[in-house]
Every structure is written in C-alpha cells, then in structure tokens.
C-alpha atoms as a PDB file:
ATOM      1  CA  UNK A   1     134.991 127.216  93.182  1.00  0.00           C
ATOM      2  CA  UNK A   2     131.477 126.324  94.330  1.00  0.00           C
ATOM      3  CA  UNK A   3     131.022 123.937  91.420  1.00  0.00           C
ATOM      4  CA  UNK A   4     134.339 122.241  92.129  1.00  0.00           C
ATOM      5  CA  UNK A   5     133.458 121.882  95.801  1.00  0.00           C
ATOM      6  CA  UNK A   6     130.074 120.317  95.057  1.00  0.00           C
ATOM      7  CA  UNK A   7     131.492 117.937  92.475  1.00  0.00           C
ATOM      8  CA  UNK A   8     134.452 116.896  94.627  1.00  0.00           C
ATOM      9  CA  UNK A   9     132.552 116.424  97.891  1.00  0.00           C
ATOM     10  CA  UNK A  10     129.371 114.683  96.710  1.00  0.00           C
ATOM     11  CA  UNK A  11     129.078 110.991  95.752  1.00  0.00           C
ATOM     12  CA  UNK A  12     126.720 111.943  92.888  1.00  0.00           C
ATOM     13  CA  UNK A  13     126.239 115.214  91.016  1.00  0.00           C
ATOM     14  CA  UNK A  14     123.647 117.227  92.990  1.00  0.00           C
ATOM     15  CA  UNK A  15     121.844 118.739  89.980  1.00  0.00           C
ATOM     16  CA  UNK A  16     118.927 120.143  91.986  1.00  0.00           C
ATOM     17  CA  UNK A  17     121.279 121.861  94.432  1.00  0.00           C
ATOM     18  CA  UNK A  18     123.502 123.222  91.654  1.00  0.00           C
ATOM     19  CA  UNK A  19     120.488 124.594  89.773  1.00  0.00           C
ATOM     20  CA  UNK A  20     119.256 126.355  92.907  1.00  0.00           C
ATOM     21  CA  UNK A  21     122.710 127.640  93.816  1.00  0.00           C
ATOM     22  CA  UNK A  22     123.344 129.115  90.384  1.00  0.00           C
ATOM     23  CA  UNK A  23     119.851 130.393  89.500  1.00  0.00           C
ATOM     24  CA  UNK A  24     118.602 131.604  92.852  1.00  0.00           C
ATOM     25  CA  UNK A  25     121.723 132.495  94.813  1.00  0.00           C
ATOM     26  CA  UNK A  26     124.454 133.451  92.334  1.00  0.00           C
ATOM     27  CA  UNK A  27     122.311 135.100  89.645  1.00  0.00           C
ATOM     28  CA  UNK A  28     119.043 135.537  91.519  1.00  0.00           C
ATOM     29  CA  UNK A  29     120.699 138.047  93.794  1.00  0.00           C
ATOM     30  CA  UNK A  30     121.774 140.130  90.806  1.00  0.00           C
ATOM     31  CA  UNK A  31     118.607 139.845  88.759  1.00  0.00           C
ATOM     32  CA  UNK A  32     115.869 142.078  90.098  1.00  0.00           C
ATOM     33  CA  UNK A  33     112.899 140.836  88.046  1.00  0.00           C
ATOM     34  CA  UNK A  34     111.304 137.635  89.368  1.00  0.00           C
ATOM     35  CA  UNK A  35     110.416 136.542  85.836  1.00  0.00           C
ATOM     36  CA  UNK A  36     114.070 136.750  84.837  1.00  0.00           C
ATOM     37  CA  UNK A  37     114.989 134.510  87.764  1.00  0.00           C
ATOM     38  CA  UNK A  38     112.334 132.028  86.574  1.00  0.00           C
ATOM     39  CA  UNK A  39     113.845 132.171  83.077  1.00  0.00           C
ATOM     40  CA  UNK A  40     117.360 131.520  84.392  1.00  0.00           C
ATOM     41  CA  UNK A  41     116.037 128.566  86.391  1.00  0.00           C
ATOM     42  CA  UNK A  42     114.253 127.121  83.350  1.00  0.00           C
ATOM     43  CA  UNK A  43     117.303 127.539  81.118  1.00  0.00           C
ATOM     44  CA  UNK A  44     119.618 125.905  83.627  1.00  0.00           C
ATOM     45  CA  UNK A  45     117.355 122.864  83.829  1.00  0.00           C
ATOM     46  CA  UNK A  46     118.159 122.260  80.147  1.00  0.00           C
ATOM     47  CA  UNK A  47     121.883 122.238  80.831  1.00  0.00           C
ATOM     48  CA  UNK A  48     122.328 120.937  84.357  1.00  0.00           C
ATOM     49  CA  UNK A  49     120.615 117.563  84.412  1.00  0.00           C
ATOM     50  CA  UNK A  50     121.597 113.914  84.404  1.00  0.00           C
ATOM     51  CA  UNK A  51     120.567 113.432  80.750  1.00  0.00           C
ATOM     52  CA  UNK A  52     123.114 116.060  79.694  1.00  0.00           C
ATOM     53  CA  UNK A  53     125.834 113.738  80.974  1.00  0.00           C
ATOM     54  CA  UNK A  54     124.915 111.134  78.338  1.00  0.00           C
ATOM     55  CA  UNK A  55     126.285 111.246  74.818  1.00  0.00           C
ATOM     56  CA  UNK A  56     123.912 112.652  72.221  1.00  0.00           C
ATOM     57  CA  UNK A  57     121.877 114.887  74.551  1.00  0.00           C
ATOM     58  CA  UNK A  58     120.520 117.806  72.493  1.00  0.00           C
ATOM     59  CA  UNK A  59     120.822 121.301  73.914  1.00  0.00           C
ATOM     60  CA  UNK A  60     118.846 122.756  71.001  1.00  0.00           C
ATOM     61  CA  UNK A  61     116.002 121.605  68.794  1.00  0.00           C
ATOM     62  CA  UNK A  62     118.295 121.897  65.754  1.00  0.00           C
ATOM     63  CA  UNK A  63     120.471 119.074  67.056  1.00  0.00           C
ATOM     64  CA  UNK A  64     123.602 121.075  66.288  1.00  0.00           C
ATOM     65  CA  UNK A  65     124.435 121.586  69.945  1.00  0.00           C
ATOM     66  CA  UNK A  66     124.677 118.241  71.714  1.00  0.00           C
ATOM     67  CA  UNK A  67     126.945 116.287  73.989  1.00  0.00           C
ATOM     68  CA  UNK A  68     129.470 114.318  71.956  1.00  0.00           C
ATOM     69  CA  UNK A  69     128.790 110.599  71.793  1.00  0.00           C
ATOM     70  CA  UNK A  70     132.445 109.654  71.626  1.00  0.00           C
ATOM     71  CA  UNK A  71     134.269 111.115  74.611  1.00  0.00           C
ATOM     72  CA  UNK A  72     137.761 110.865  73.077  1.00  0.00           C
ATOM     73  CA  UNK A  73     139.354 114.249  73.847  1.00  0.00           C
ATOM     74  CA  UNK A  74     140.591 114.883  70.304  1.00  0.00           C
ATOM     75  CA  UNK A  75     137.135 114.216  68.853  1.00  0.00           C
ATOM     76  CA  UNK A  76     135.446 116.406  71.461  1.00  0.00           C
ATOM     77  CA  UNK A  77     137.822 119.248  70.558  1.00  0.00           C
ATOM     78  CA  UNK A  78     137.081 118.701  66.867  1.00  0.00           C
ATOM     79  CA  UNK A  79     133.335 118.814  67.538  1.00  0.00           C
ATOM     80  CA  UNK A  80     133.615 122.015  69.610  1.00  0.00           C
ATOM     81  CA  UNK A  81     135.686 123.818  66.943  1.00  0.00           C
ATOM     82  CA  UNK A  82     133.125 122.807  64.291  1.00  0.00           C
ATOM     83  CA  UNK A  83     130.260 124.581  66.100  1.00  0.00           C
ATOM     84  CA  UNK A  84     128.874 127.768  64.572  1.00  0.00           C
ATOM     85  CA  UNK A  85     130.094 130.995  66.129  1.00  0.00           C
END
C-alpha cells in the first residue's frame, strides 16, 4: 500500500525515499543487527533505481536476470517463465 501511494502521488518515482522507507523503516525495525540493515540498503539500491526502469538493466553479473528490453506483456511473461528456479 505504501508503494502504491508513493507511485500514485508523486510526479516521479522517489527512489531515495522508497529505499529509505523499505530498508530503514519496514525492515530496519525488524532487523536488529546494524550490518544487516546496511546490507538490505545496499541490496535495494541494486533494484530500486532509475536504471532498473530501462530495458536491459542487469540485476546480476551473469546477465540472466535483467529487465526485458521489449515491454510487450506476452514477451515479458515468456522471459519470466524462462528464468531458472
């Protein structure tokens, strides 16, 4: 619900705010080790950023996990079902 609110009410995607909200507030309150909170923050920066909104952004060094270049829904579904378990 928080994500929907931020995306619906902002003129641009507030990546910095979303990263803080998720890492520090949502999970940071449940994670007791400060190093784990730092890890969550670092991981989220790989996923919640403006580059991830572009086709071909790699989420892993292998290149297997990336944003689809063609945003046709059928092709996106095909790509997602082809990913390793």
